[in-house]
C-alpha atoms as a PDB file:
ATOM      1  CA  MET A   1       0.000   0.000   0.000  1.00  0.00           C
ATOM      2  CA  SER A   2       1.384   3.415  -0.976  1.00  0.00           C
ATOM      3  CA  GLU A   3       1.880   6.319   1.430  1.00  0.00           C
ATOM      4  CA  GLU A   4      -1.056   8.102  -0.187  1.00  0.00           C
ATOM      5  CA  ASP A   5      -3.253   5.034   0.272  1.00  0.00           C
ATOM      6  CA  LEU A   6      -2.277   4.860   3.952  1.00  0.00           C
ATOM      7  CA  ARG A   7      -3.175   8.492   4.488  1.00  0.00           C
ATOM      8  CA  ASP A   8      -6.493   8.101   2.680  1.00  0.00           C
ATOM      9  CA  ALA A   9      -7.324   5.099   4.859  1.00  0.00           C
ATOM     10  CA  ALA A  10      -6.352   7.024   7.994  1.00  0.00           C
ATOM     11  CA  ALA A  11      -8.556   9.952   6.960  1.00  0.00           C
ATOM     12  CA  ALA A  12     -11.496   7.615   6.382  1.00  0.00           C
ATOM     13  CA  LEU A  13     -10.911   6.038   9.785  1.00  0.00           C
ATOM     14  CA  ARG A  14     -10.902   9.411  11.515  1.00  0.00           C
ATOM     15  CA  GLY A  15     -14.156  10.288   9.792  1.00  0.00           C
ATOM     16  CA  SER A  16     -15.840   7.203  11.234  1.00  0.00           C
ATOM     17  CA  VAL A  17     -14.815   7.915  14.844  1.00  0.00           C
ATOM     18  CA  VAL A  18     -16.897  10.062  17.182  1.00  0.00           C
ATOM     19  CA  VAL A  19     -15.844  11.454  20.549  1.00  0.00           C
ATOM     20  CA  ALA A  20     -18.771  12.057  22.878  1.00  0.00           C
ATOM     21  CA  GLY A  21     -19.472  12.651  26.547  1.00  0.00           C
ATOM     22  CA  CYS A  22     -21.994  11.528  29.154  1.00  0.00           C
ATOM     23  CA  GLY A  23     -22.691  13.474  32.306  1.00  0.00           C
ATOM     24  CA  GLU A  24     -21.087  16.772  33.271  1.00  0.00           C
ATOM     25  CA  VAL A  25     -17.550  15.370  33.468  1.00  0.00           C
ATOM     26  CA  GLY A  26     -17.829  13.438  30.212  1.00  0.00           C
ATOM     27  CA  ARG A  27     -19.269  16.359  28.245  1.00  0.00           C
ATOM     28  CA  GLU A  28     -16.600  18.787  29.457  1.00  0.00           C
ATOM     29  CA  ALA A  29     -13.866  16.266  28.691  1.00  0.00           C
ATOM     30  CA  ALA A  30     -15.153  15.515  25.178  1.00  0.00           C
ATOM     31  CA  ALA A  31     -15.290  19.228  24.392  1.00  0.00           C
ATOM     32  CA  GLN A  32     -11.545  19.460  25.089  1.00  0.00           C
ATOM     33  CA  VAL A  33     -10.580  16.762  22.584  1.00  0.00           C
ATOM     34  CA  ALA A  34      -9.493  18.111  19.209  1.00  0.00           C
ATOM     35  CA  VAL A  35      -8.008  15.626  16.742  1.00  0.00           C
ATOM     36  CA  ASP A  36      -8.037  16.624  13.083  1.00  0.00           C
ATOM     37  CA  GLY A  37     -10.791  14.853  11.165  1.00  0.00           C
ATOM     38  CA  VAL A  38     -12.435  13.313  14.237  1.00  0.00           C
ATOM     39  CA  VAL A  39     -15.916  14.482  15.200  1.00  0.00           C
ATOM     40  CA  ALA A  40     -15.969  15.619  18.837  1.00  0.00           C
ATOM     41  CA  ARG A  41     -19.316  16.319  20.477  1.00  0.00           C
ATOM     42  CA  ALA A  42     -20.074  17.775  23.880  1.00  0.00           C
ATOM     43  CA  ASP A  43     -23.085  15.474  24.214  1.00  0.00           C
ATOM     44  CA  ASP A  44     -24.004  11.802  23.948  1.00  0.00           C
ATOM     45  CA  ALA A  45     -25.545  11.798  20.452  1.00  0.00           C
ATOM     46  CA  ILE A  46     -23.849   9.239  18.189  1.00  0.00           C
ATOM     47  CA  PRO A  47     -24.499   9.430  14.407  1.00  0.00           C
ATOM     48  CA  ASP A  48     -25.965   6.296  12.857  1.00  0.00           C
ATOM     49  CA  ASP A  49     -23.002   5.901  10.498  1.00  0.00           C
ATOM     50  CA  ALA A  50     -20.324   6.057  13.208  1.00  0.00           C
ATOM     51  CA  GLN A  51     -18.158   2.948  13.405  1.00  0.00           C
ATOM     52  CA  ALA A  52     -16.782   3.742  16.851  1.00  0.00           C
ATOM     53  CA  ALA A  53     -17.639   6.000  19.767  1.00  0.00           C
ATOM     54  CA  PHE A  54     -15.047   6.958  22.359  1.00  0.00           C
ATOM     55  CA  VAL A  55     -17.078   8.300  25.244  1.00  0.00           C
ATOM     56  CA  GLY A  56     -16.006  10.223  28.315  1.00  0.00           C
ATOM     57  CA  VAL A  57     -18.093   9.229  31.313  1.00  0.00           C
ATOM     58  CA  ASP A  58     -19.016  10.705  34.667  1.00  0.00           C
ATOM     59  CA  LEU A  59     -18.548   8.079  37.357  1.00  0.00           C
ATOM     60  CA  ALA A  60     -20.893  10.000  39.654  1.00  0.00           C
ATOM     61  CA  ASP A  61     -23.774   8.814  37.436  1.00  0.00           C
ATOM     62  CA  PRO A  62     -22.953   5.956  35.039  1.00  0.00           C
ATOM     63  CA  SER A  63     -26.536   5.486  33.794  1.00  0.00           C
ATOM     64  CA  PRO A  64     -26.279   7.806  30.712  1.00  0.00           C
ATOM     65  CA  ALA A  65     -23.114   5.997  29.586  1.00  0.00           C
ATOM     66  CA  VAL A  66     -24.780   2.614  30.069  1.00  0.00           C
ATOM     67  CA  ALA A  67     -27.723   3.739  27.919  1.00  0.00           C
ATOM     68  CA  LEU A  68     -25.365   5.052  25.227  1.00  0.00           C
ATOM     69  CA  ALA A  69     -23.364   1.809  25.203  1.00  0.00           C
ATOM     70  CA  ARG A  70     -26.566  -0.148  24.680  1.00  0.00           C
ATOM     71  CA  ARG A  71     -27.585   2.123  21.791  1.00  0.00           C
ATOM     72  CA  CYS A  72     -24.166   1.584  20.236  1.00  0.00           C
ATOM     73  CA  ALA A  73     -24.515  -2.181  20.605  1.00  0.00           C
ATOM     74  CA  ALA A  74     -27.869  -2.092  18.822  1.00  0.00           C
ATOM     75  CA  ALA A  75     -26.312  -0.063  15.977  1.00  0.00           C
ATOM     76  CA  ASP A  76     -23.213  -2.294  15.798  1.00  0.00           C
ATOM     77  CA  THR A  77     -21.016   0.652  16.804  1.00  0.00           C
ATOM     78  CA  LEU A  78     -17.905  -0.008  18.876  1.00  0.00           C
ATOM     79  CA  ALA A  79     -18.400   1.677  22.274  1.00  0.00           C
ATOM     80  CA  VAL A  80     -15.321   2.428  24.346  1.00  0.00           C
ATOM     81  CA  LEU A  81     -15.980   4.266  27.604  1.00  0.00           C
ATOM     82  CA  VAL A  82     -13.193   6.360  29.127  1.00  0.00           C
ATOM     83  CA  ALA A  83     -13.093   7.307  32.805  1.00  0.00           C
ATOM     84  CA  ALA A  84     -10.565   9.037  35.027  1.00  0.00           C
ATOM     85  CA  VAL A  85     -10.091   7.003  38.185  1.00  0.00           C
ATOM     86  CA  ASP A  86      -8.563   8.238  41.408  1.00  0.00           C
ATOM     87  CA  PRO A  87      -5.971   5.769  42.756  1.00  0.00           C
ATOM     88  CA  ARG A  88      -8.062   5.489  45.922  1.00  0.00           C
ATOM     89  CA  PRO A  89     -11.605   5.109  44.597  1.00  0.00           C
ATOM     90  CA  THR A  90     -14.708   5.201  46.719  1.00  0.00           C
ATOM     91  CA  ALA A  91     -17.145   2.324  46.994  1.00  0.00           C
ATOM     92  CA  GLU A  92     -19.500   4.250  44.689  1.00  0.00           C
ATOM     93  CA  THR A  93     -16.775   4.524  42.042  1.00  0.00           C
ATOM     94  CA  ARG A  94     -16.094   0.798  42.228  1.00  0.00           C
ATOM     95  CA  THR A  95     -19.786   0.063  41.747  1.00  0.00           C
ATOM     96  CA  ALA A  96     -19.975   2.476  38.797  1.00  0.00           C
ATOM     97  CA  LEU A  97     -17.017   0.784  37.109  1.00  0.00           C
ATOM     98  CA  ALA A  98     -18.602  -2.632  37.505  1.00  0.00           C
ATOM     99  CA  THR A  99     -21.826  -1.310  35.960  1.00  0.00           C
ATOM    100  CA  LEU A 100     -20.006   0.245  33.002  1.00  0.00           C
ATOM    101  CA  ARG A 101     -17.952  -2.861  32.376  1.00  0.00           C
ATOM    102  CA  GLU A 102     -21.096  -4.943  31.957  1.00  0.00           C
ATOM    103  CA  ALA A 103     -22.526  -2.565  29.334  1.00  0.00           C
ATOM    104  CA  ALA A 104     -19.625  -1.492  27.106  1.00  0.00           C
ATOM    105  CA  ASP A 105     -17.255  -3.155  24.666  1.00  0.00           C
ATOM    106  CA  ALA A 106     -14.436  -1.793  26.812  1.00  0.00           C
ATOM    107  CA  VAL A 107     -13.855   0.528  29.757  1.00  0.00           C
ATOM    108  CA  VAL A 108     -10.569   2.411  29.456  1.00  0.00           C
ATOM    109  CA  LEU A 109      -9.162   3.850  32.673  1.00  0.00           C
ATOM    110  CA  SER A 110      -7.162   7.061  32.651  1.00  0.00           C
ATOM    111  CA  ALA A 111      -5.083   7.758  35.754  1.00  0.00           C
ATOM    112  CA  GLY A 112      -5.725  11.094  37.405  1.00  0.00           C
ATOM    113  CA  ASP A 113      -7.378  12.647  40.416  1.00  0.00           C
ATOM    114  CA  GLU A 114      -8.968  15.518  38.418  1.00  0.00           C
ATOM    115  CA  PRO A 115     -11.948  13.991  36.606  1.00  0.00           C
ATOM    116  CA  VAL A 116     -12.324  16.306  33.598  1.00  0.00           C
ATOM    117  CA  ALA A 117      -8.615  16.658  32.823  1.00  0.00           C
ATOM    118  CA  GLY A 118      -7.974  12.948  33.340  1.00  0.00           C
ATOM    119  CA  THR A 119     -10.901  11.896  31.162  1.00  0.00           C
ATOM    120  CA  ALA A 120      -9.933  14.352  28.405  1.00  0.00           C
ATOM    121  CA  ALA A 121      -6.335  13.105  28.461  1.00  0.00           C
ATOM    122  CA  GLY A 122      -7.515   9.509  28.171  1.00  0.00           C
ATOM    123  CA  LEU A 123      -9.847  10.316  25.281  1.00  0.00           C
ATOM    124  CA  ARG A 124      -7.183  12.310  23.459  1.00  0.00           C
ATOM    125  CA  THR A 125      -4.566   9.601  23.835  1.00  0.00           C
ATOM    126  CA  LEU A 126      -6.953   6.865  22.752  1.00  0.00           C
ATOM    127  CA  VAL A 127      -8.154   8.726  19.663  1.00  0.00           C
ATOM    128  CA  ARG A 128      -4.650   9.761  18.597  1.00  0.00           C
ATOM    129  CA  LEU A 129      -3.483   6.176  19.041  1.00  0.00           C
ATOM    130  CA  ILE A 130      -6.204   4.577  16.956  1.00  0.00           C
ATOM    131  CA  ALA A 131      -7.084   7.339  14.488  1.00  0.00           C
ATOM    132  CA  GLY A 132      -3.703   9.028  14.187  1.00  0.00           C
ATOM    133  CA  SER A 133      -1.380   6.344  12.801  1.00  0.00           C
ATOM    134  CA  ASP A 134      -0.720   7.483   9.248  1.00  0.00           C
ATOM    135  CA  ASP A 135       2.459   5.556   8.402  1.00  0.00           C
ATOM    136  CA  VAL A 136       1.866   2.178  10.027  1.00  0.00           C
ATOM    137  CA  ASN A 137      -1.828   2.016  10.765  1.00  0.00           C
ATOM    138  CA  VAL A 138      -3.706   0.833  13.841  1.00  0.00           C
ATOM    139  CA  ASP A 139      -7.361   0.584  12.912  1.00  0.00           C
ATOM    140  CA  LEU A 140     -10.708  -0.166  14.514  1.00  0.00           C
ATOM    141  CA  ALA A 141     -10.391  -3.872  13.752  1.00  0.00           C
ATOM    142  CA  ASP A 142      -7.209  -3.864  15.830  1.00  0.00           C
ATOM    143  CA  ALA A 143      -9.011  -2.012  18.610  1.00  0.00           C
ATOM    144  CA  GLU A 144     -11.791  -4.583  18.612  1.00  0.00           C
ATOM    145  CA  THR A 145      -9.304  -7.454  18.590  1.00  0.00           C
ATOM    146  CA  VAL A 146      -7.232  -6.173  21.496  1.00  0.00           C
ATOM    147  CA  VAL A 147      -9.373  -3.815  23.567  1.00  0.00           C
ATOM    148  CA  ALA A 148     -13.023  -4.777  23.061  1.00  0.00           C
ATOM    149  CA  THR A 149     -12.947  -7.701  25.464  1.00  0.00           C
ATOM    150  CA  GLY A 150     -15.626  -6.488  27.849  1.00  0.00           C
ATOM    151  CA  GLY A 151     -13.042  -5.874  30.549  1.00  0.00           C
ATOM    152  CA  PHE A 152     -10.847  -3.053  31.754  1.00  0.00           C
ATOM    153  CA  ALA A 153      -8.073  -1.403  29.782  1.00  0.00           C
ATOM    154  CA  ALA A 154      -5.684   1.377  30.789  1.00  0.00           C
ATOM    155  CA  VAL A 155      -4.226   4.203  28.722  1.00  0.00           C
ATOM    156  CA  GLY A 156      -0.976   6.119  29.088  1.00  0.00           C
ATOM    157  CA  ALA A 157       1.299   8.467  27.138  1.00  0.00           C
ATOM    158  CA  ALA A 158       4.811   9.842  27.566  1.00  0.00           C
ATOM    159  CA  THR A 159       7.504  11.694  25.610  1.00  0.00           C
ATOM    160  CA  ASN A 160      11.254  11.038  25.572  1.00  0.00           C
ATOM    161  CA  LEU A 161      14.242  11.305  23.262  1.00  0.00           C
ATOM    162  CA  ASP A 162      14.583   7.518  23.395  1.00  0.00           C
ATOM    163  CA  PRO A 163      11.592   5.606  21.933  1.00  0.00           C
ATOM    164  CA  ALA A 164      11.951   2.643  24.308  1.00  0.00           C
ATOM    165  CA  ALA A 165      12.183   4.964  27.329  1.00  0.00           C
ATOM    166  CA  ALA A 166       9.107   6.841  26.119  1.00  0.00           C
ATOM    167  CA  MET A 167       7.174   3.587  25.835  1.00  0.00           C
ATOM    168  CA  THR A 168       8.268   2.372  29.275  1.00  0.00           C
ATOM    169  CA  ALA A 169       7.106   5.680  30.761  1.00  0.00           C
ATOM    170  CA  ALA A 170       3.797   5.414  28.879  1.00  0.00           C
ATOM    171  CA  VAL A 171       3.157   1.991  30.420  1.00  0.00           C
ATOM    172  CA  ASP A 172       3.985   3.395  33.860  1.00  0.00           C
ATOM    173  CA  ALA A 173       1.558   6.278  33.203  1.00  0.00           C
ATOM    174  CA  CYS A 174      -1.295   3.775  32.925  1.00  0.00           C
ATOM    175  CA  GLY A 175      -1.607   3.998  36.689  1.00  0.00           C
ATOM    176  CA  PRO A 176      -1.937   1.342  39.389  1.00  0.00           C
ATOM    177  CA  VAL A 177      -2.855  -1.723  37.349  1.00  0.00           C
ATOM    178  CA  SER A 178      -1.682  -5.303  37.449  1.00  0.00           C
ATOM    179  CA  LEU A 179      -0.604  -6.871  34.157  1.00  0.00           C
ATOM    180  CA  THR A 180      -0.797 -10.491  35.320  1.00  0.00           C
ATOM    181  CA  ARG A 181      -3.913 -10.985  33.189  1.00  0.00           C
ATOM    182  CA  ALA A 182      -3.197  -8.447  30.432  1.00  0.00           C
ATOM    183  CA  SER A 183      -4.346  -9.845  27.103  1.00  0.00           C
ATOM    184  CA  GLY A 184      -2.650  -7.381  24.798  1.00  0.00           C
ATOM    185  CA  ALA A 185      -1.683  -3.831  23.927  1.00  0.00           C
ATOM    186  CA  LEU A 186      -2.187  -1.204  21.248  1.00  0.00           C
ATOM    187  CA  VAL A 187       0.937   0.896  20.741  1.00  0.00           C
ATOM    188  CA  HIS A 188       1.457   4.166  18.866  1.00  0.00           C
ATOM    189  CA  LEU A 189       4.700   6.059  18.280  1.00  0.00           C
ATOM    190  CA  GLU A 190       4.803   9.633  17.047  1.00  0.00           C
ATOM    191  CA  GLY A 191       8.057  11.234  15.935  1.00  0.00           C
ATOM    192  CA  ASP A 192       9.959  12.732  13.031  1.00  0.00           C
ATOM    193  CA  ARG A 193      11.413  11.051   9.979  1.00  0.00           C
ATOM    194  CA  GLU A 194      14.458   9.962  11.974  1.00  0.00           C
ATOM    195  CA  LEU A 195      12.365   7.398  13.863  1.00  0.00           C
ATOM    196  CA  SER A 196      13.660   4.098  12.495  1.00  0.00           C
ATOM    197  CA  VAL A 197      11.961   0.733  12.276  1.00  0.00           C
ATOM    198  CA  GLN A 198      14.613  -0.629  14.655  1.00  0.00           C
ATOM    199  CA  ALA A 199      13.889   2.073  17.236  1.00  0.00           C
ATOM    200  CA  ALA A 200      10.163   1.449  16.907  1.00  0.00           C
ATOM    201  CA  GLY A 201      10.787  -2.273  17.357  1.00  0.00           C
ATOM    202  CA  ASP A 202      12.770  -1.594  20.534  1.00  0.00           C
ATOM    203  CA  ALA A 203       9.873   0.468  21.876  1.00  0.00           C
ATOM    204  CA  VAL A 204       7.363  -2.271  21.099  1.00  0.00           C
ATOM    205  CA  ALA A 205       9.671  -4.773  22.814  1.00  0.00           C
ATOM    206  CA  ALA A 206       9.576  -2.568  25.920  1.00  0.00           C
ATOM    207  CA  VAL A 207       5.836  -3.238  26.077  1.00  0.00           C
ATOM    208  CA  ARG A 208       6.111  -6.956  25.335  1.00  0.00           C
ATOM    209  CA  ASP A 209       8.624  -7.314  28.162  1.00  0.00           C
ATOM    210  CA  ARG A 210       5.980  -6.098  30.632  1.00  0.00           C
ATOM    211  CA  LEU A 211       3.262  -8.488  29.458  1.00  0.00           C
ATOM    212  CA  VAL A 212       2.780 -12.206  29.899  1.00  0.00           C
ATOM    213  CA  ASP A 213       3.819 -14.545  27.095  1.00  0.00           C
ATOM    214  CA  GLY A 214       1.270 -14.772  24.314  1.00  0.00           C
ATOM    215  CA  SER A 215      -0.152 -11.269  24.768  1.00  0.00           C
ATOM    216  CA  HIS A 216      -1.238  -9.647  21.503  1.00  0.00           C
ATOM    217  CA  VAL A 217       0.627  -6.403  20.680  1.00  0.00           C
ATOM    218  CA  ILE A 218      -0.359  -4.278  17.662  1.00  0.00           C
ATOM    219  CA  TRP A 219       1.546  -1.105  16.886  1.00  0.00           C
ATOM    220  CA  GLY A 220       1.369   1.904  14.594  1.00  0.00           C
ATOM    221  CA  ALA A 221       3.565   4.931  13.930  1.00  0.00           C
ATOM    222  CA  ASP A 222       3.333   8.446  12.594  1.00  0.00           C
ATOM    223  CA  THR A 223       6.652   9.983  11.532  1.00  0.00           C
ATOM    224  CA  ASP A 224       5.210  13.137  10.014  1.00  0.00           C
ATOM    225  CA  ALA A 225       2.845  14.300  12.719  1.00  0.00           C
ATOM    226  CA  GLY A 226       3.621  17.998  12.175  1.00  0.00           C
ATOM    227  CA  GLU A 227       1.085  20.236  13.856  1.00  0.00           C
ATOM    228  CA  TYR A 228      -0.498  17.278  15.639  1.00  0.00           C
ATOM    229  CA  ARG A 229       2.557  16.635  17.796  1.00  0.00           C
ATOM    230  CA  GLU A 230       1.939  16.764  21.527  1.00  0.00           C
ATOM    231  CA  GLY A 231       2.348  20.318  22.795  1.00  0.00           C
ATOM    232  CA  GLY A 232       5.468  19.564  24.830  1.00  0.00           C
ATOM    233  CA  ALA A 233       7.230  17.389  22.257  1.00  0.00           C
ATOM    234  CA  HIS A 234      10.232  18.713  20.331  1.00  0.00           C
ATOM    235  CA  ASP A 235      11.199  17.604  16.850  1.00  0.00           C
ATOM    236  CA  ASP A 236      13.770  15.084  18.069  1.00  0.00           C
ATOM    237  CA  GLU A 237      11.496  13.549  20.706  1.00  0.00           C
ATOM    238  CA  VAL A 238       9.153  10.590  20.428  1.00  0.00           C
ATOM    239  CA  THR A 239       5.676  10.464  21.949  1.00  0.00           C
ATOM    240  CA  ALA A 240       4.561   6.972  22.920  1.00  0.00           C
ATOM    241  CA  ARG A 241       0.956   6.004  23.559  1.00  0.00           C
ATOM    242  CA  VAL A 242      -0.291   2.673  24.810  1.00  0.00           C
ATOM    243  CA  VAL A 243      -3.563   0.981  25.669  1.00  0.00           C
ATOM    244  CA  LEU A 244      -3.151  -2.097  27.862  1.00  0.00           C
ATOM    245  CA  ALA A 245      -6.090  -4.489  27.613  1.00  0.00           C
ATOM    246  CA  GLY A 246      -7.280  -7.012  30.162  1.00  0.00           C
ATOM    247  CA  VAL A 247      -5.676  -5.241  33.106  1.00  0.00           C
ATOM    248  CA  VAL A 248      -6.731  -5.608  36.726  1.00  0.00           C
ATOM    249  CA  PRO A 249      -6.877  -2.187  38.411  1.00  0.00           C
ATOM    250  CA  VAL A 250      -5.460  -2.336  41.908  1.00  0.00           C
ATOM    251  CA  ARG A 251      -5.668  -0.086  44.916  1.00  0.00           C
ATOM    252  CA  PRO A 252      -2.427   1.215  46.425  1.00  0.00           C
ATOM    253  CA  PRO A 253      -1.908   0.428  50.124  1.00  0.00           C
ATOM    254  CA  ALA A 254      -4.507   2.330  52.104  1.00  0.00           C
ATOM    255  CA  GLU A 255      -3.702   4.921  54.726  1.00  0.00           C
ATOM    256  CA  ALA A 256      -5.556   5.990  57.833  1.00  0.00           C
ATOM    257  CA  GLY A 257      -8.275   8.456  56.893  1.00  0.00           C
ATOM    258  CA  ASP A 258      -8.786   7.056  53.387  1.00  0.00           C
ATOM    259  CA  PRO A 259     -12.361   6.091  52.493  1.00  0.00           C
ATOM    260  CA  CYS A 260     -13.072   2.402  52.939  1.00  0.00           C
ATOM    261  CA  PRO A 261     -13.272   0.858  49.435  1.00  0.00           C
ATOM    262  CA  ARG A 262     -16.127  -1.337  50.627  1.00  0.00           C
ATOM    263  CA  CYS A 263     -18.454   1.010  52.515  1.00  0.00           C
ATOM    264  CA  GLY A 264     -16.920   4.487  52.220  1.00  0.00           C
ATOM    265  CA  ALA A 265     -16.344   5.069  55.948  1.00  0.00           C
ATOM    266  CA  SER A 266     -13.021   6.484  57.102  1.00  0.00           C
ATOM    267  CA  LEU A 267     -10.307   3.860  57.666  1.00  0.00           C
ATOM    268  CA  VAL A 268      -8.621   3.685  61.063  1.00  0.00           C
ATOM    269  CA  GLY A 269      -4.904   3.040  61.587  1.00  0.00           C
ATOM    270  CA  TYR A 270      -3.653   0.316  63.930  1.00  0.00           C
ATOM    271  CA  ARG A 271      -0.217  -0.776  65.065  1.00  0.00           C
ATOM    272  CA  MET A 272       0.506  -4.471  65.617  1.00  0.00           C
ATOM    273  CA  GLY A 273       4.012  -4.715  66.989  1.00  0.00           C
ATOM    274  CA  ASP A 274       6.297  -3.245  64.324  1.00  0.00           C
ATOM    275  CA  ARG A 275       3.590  -3.396  61.651  1.00  0.00           C
ATOM    276  CA  GLU A 276       1.097  -0.672  60.853  1.00  0.00           C
ATOM    277  CA  THR A 277      -2.172  -1.479  59.143  1.00  0.00           C
ATOM    278  CA  VAL A 278      -5.604   0.013  58.555  1.00  0.00           C
ATOM    279  CA  ALA A 279      -9.097  -1.375  58.907  1.00  0.00           C
ATOM    280  CA  CYS A 280     -12.701  -0.244  58.818  1.00  0.00           C
ATOM    281  CA  ASP A 281     -14.534  -0.350  62.127  1.00  0.00           C
ATOM    282  CA  GLY A 282     -17.839  -0.238  60.262  1.00  0.00           C
ATOM    283  CA  CYS A 283     -17.677  -3.192  57.861  1.00  0.00           C
ATOM    284  CA  GLY A 284     -14.534  -5.009  58.973  1.00  0.00           C
ATOM    285  CA  PHE A 285     -12.516  -4.325  55.802  1.00  0.00           C
ATOM    286  CA  ALA A 286      -8.798  -5.006  56.280  1.00  0.00           C
ATOM    287  CA  ASP A 287      -6.070  -3.577  54.066  1.00  0.00           C
ATOM    288  CA  VAL A 288      -5.403  -5.982  51.201  1.00  0.00           C
ATOM    289  CA  THR A 289      -4.862  -5.194  47.520  1.00  0.00           C
ATOM    290  CA  THR A 290      -8.317  -5.010  45.987  1.00  0.00           C
ATOM    291  CA  PRO A 291      -9.257  -4.832  42.298  1.00  0.00           C
ATOM    292  CA  LEU A 292     -11.671  -2.117  41.232  1.00  0.00           C
ATOM    293  CA  GLY A 293     -15.098  -2.773  39.818  1.00  0.00           C
ATOM    294  CA  GLY A 294     -16.299  -5.087  42.570  1.00  0.00           C
ATOM    295  CA  ASP A 295     -14.332  -8.206  41.593  1.00  0.00           C
ATOM    296  CA  PRO A 296     -13.382 -10.505  44.470  1.00  0.00           C
ATOM    297  CA  LEU A 297      -9.739 -11.507  44.639  1.00  0.00           C
ATOM    298  CA  VAL A 298      -9.079 -14.838  42.960  1.00  0.00           C
ATOM    299  CA  PRO A 299      -7.986 -17.226  45.757  1.00  0.00           C
ATOM    300  CA  GLY A 300      -4.245 -17.714  45.738  1.00  0.00           C
ATOM    301  CA  GLU A 301      -3.577 -15.080  43.067  1.00  0.00           C
ATOM    302  CA  ASP A 302      -1.433 -12.030  43.809  1.00  0.00           C
ATOM    303  CA  TYR A 303      -2.472  -9.099  41.642  1.00  0.00           C
ATOM    304  CA  GLY A 304       0.469  -7.013  42.838  1.00  0.00           C
ATOM    305  CA  SER A 305       0.390  -3.336  43.698  1.00  0.00           C
ATOM    306  CA  GLY A 306       1.040  -1.429  40.482  1.00  0.00           C
ATOM    307  CA  SER A 307       2.054  -1.297  36.821  1.00  0.00           C
ATOM    308  CA  GLY A 308       3.946  -4.275  35.563  1.00  0.00           C
ATOM    309  CA  SER A 309       3.224  -6.521  38.520  1.00  0.00           C
END
């Protein structure tokens, strides 16, 4: 396929993608996403001819996003919901995530404690990754293969002079997730014409090294991004974007005063000899690593405490 053919295909892909928002947070986040050729709406209306909808959601009220995901399913439109998740989520947030996961093709988590900014960053990264690969293309079929598994995915981006270092930082930027069950990754590199196939391969290998054997990794690259480069990226830098699919979000070790992830009450600190721990006097919760979304821990399985575990 010629370079012109690739660019025509990329333009057609961008024209079939819609960015939308549900709830106050989702609408504000969607309005901040500007990717050339991609329709961005500050509401939850999805055109009938859209092939994919990337939707910012408000975890305070997941019901509009659930309804939109069901409309997308009826229209055979890929629905990917994007939410910013605080590292120490409340019980209500965990319940909302479980509800969204049941309704959508995928729920993509964007790390950040500021809901609008975090959701907008996740949407922007996701759209640029899938609809911005002009040279080596990642398309919606790839997104469906890797991401649309009905589970959780995480998104991250980073910039560095070294492509492999940029990709490692992008994986770390995905937030506190365990990769012990990760099923695959979508990878996008954005740089200038000096970005070589070897350097891109090294960056992709940096992702593969963090995943279990057999994980599916699909990558794309744009070496002539021009005006669409990230605002802080210089000409000799590479911006790496990654979506990790099949992740298990984990909660960092709790501290006294944090909300109980089970009931929302304030956790109390205790000292047992040389060891400090926290517990909830209301429901009996004790501090163990807990996945988001309401999943119980699998007996005997250690999900770890952060990226790459």
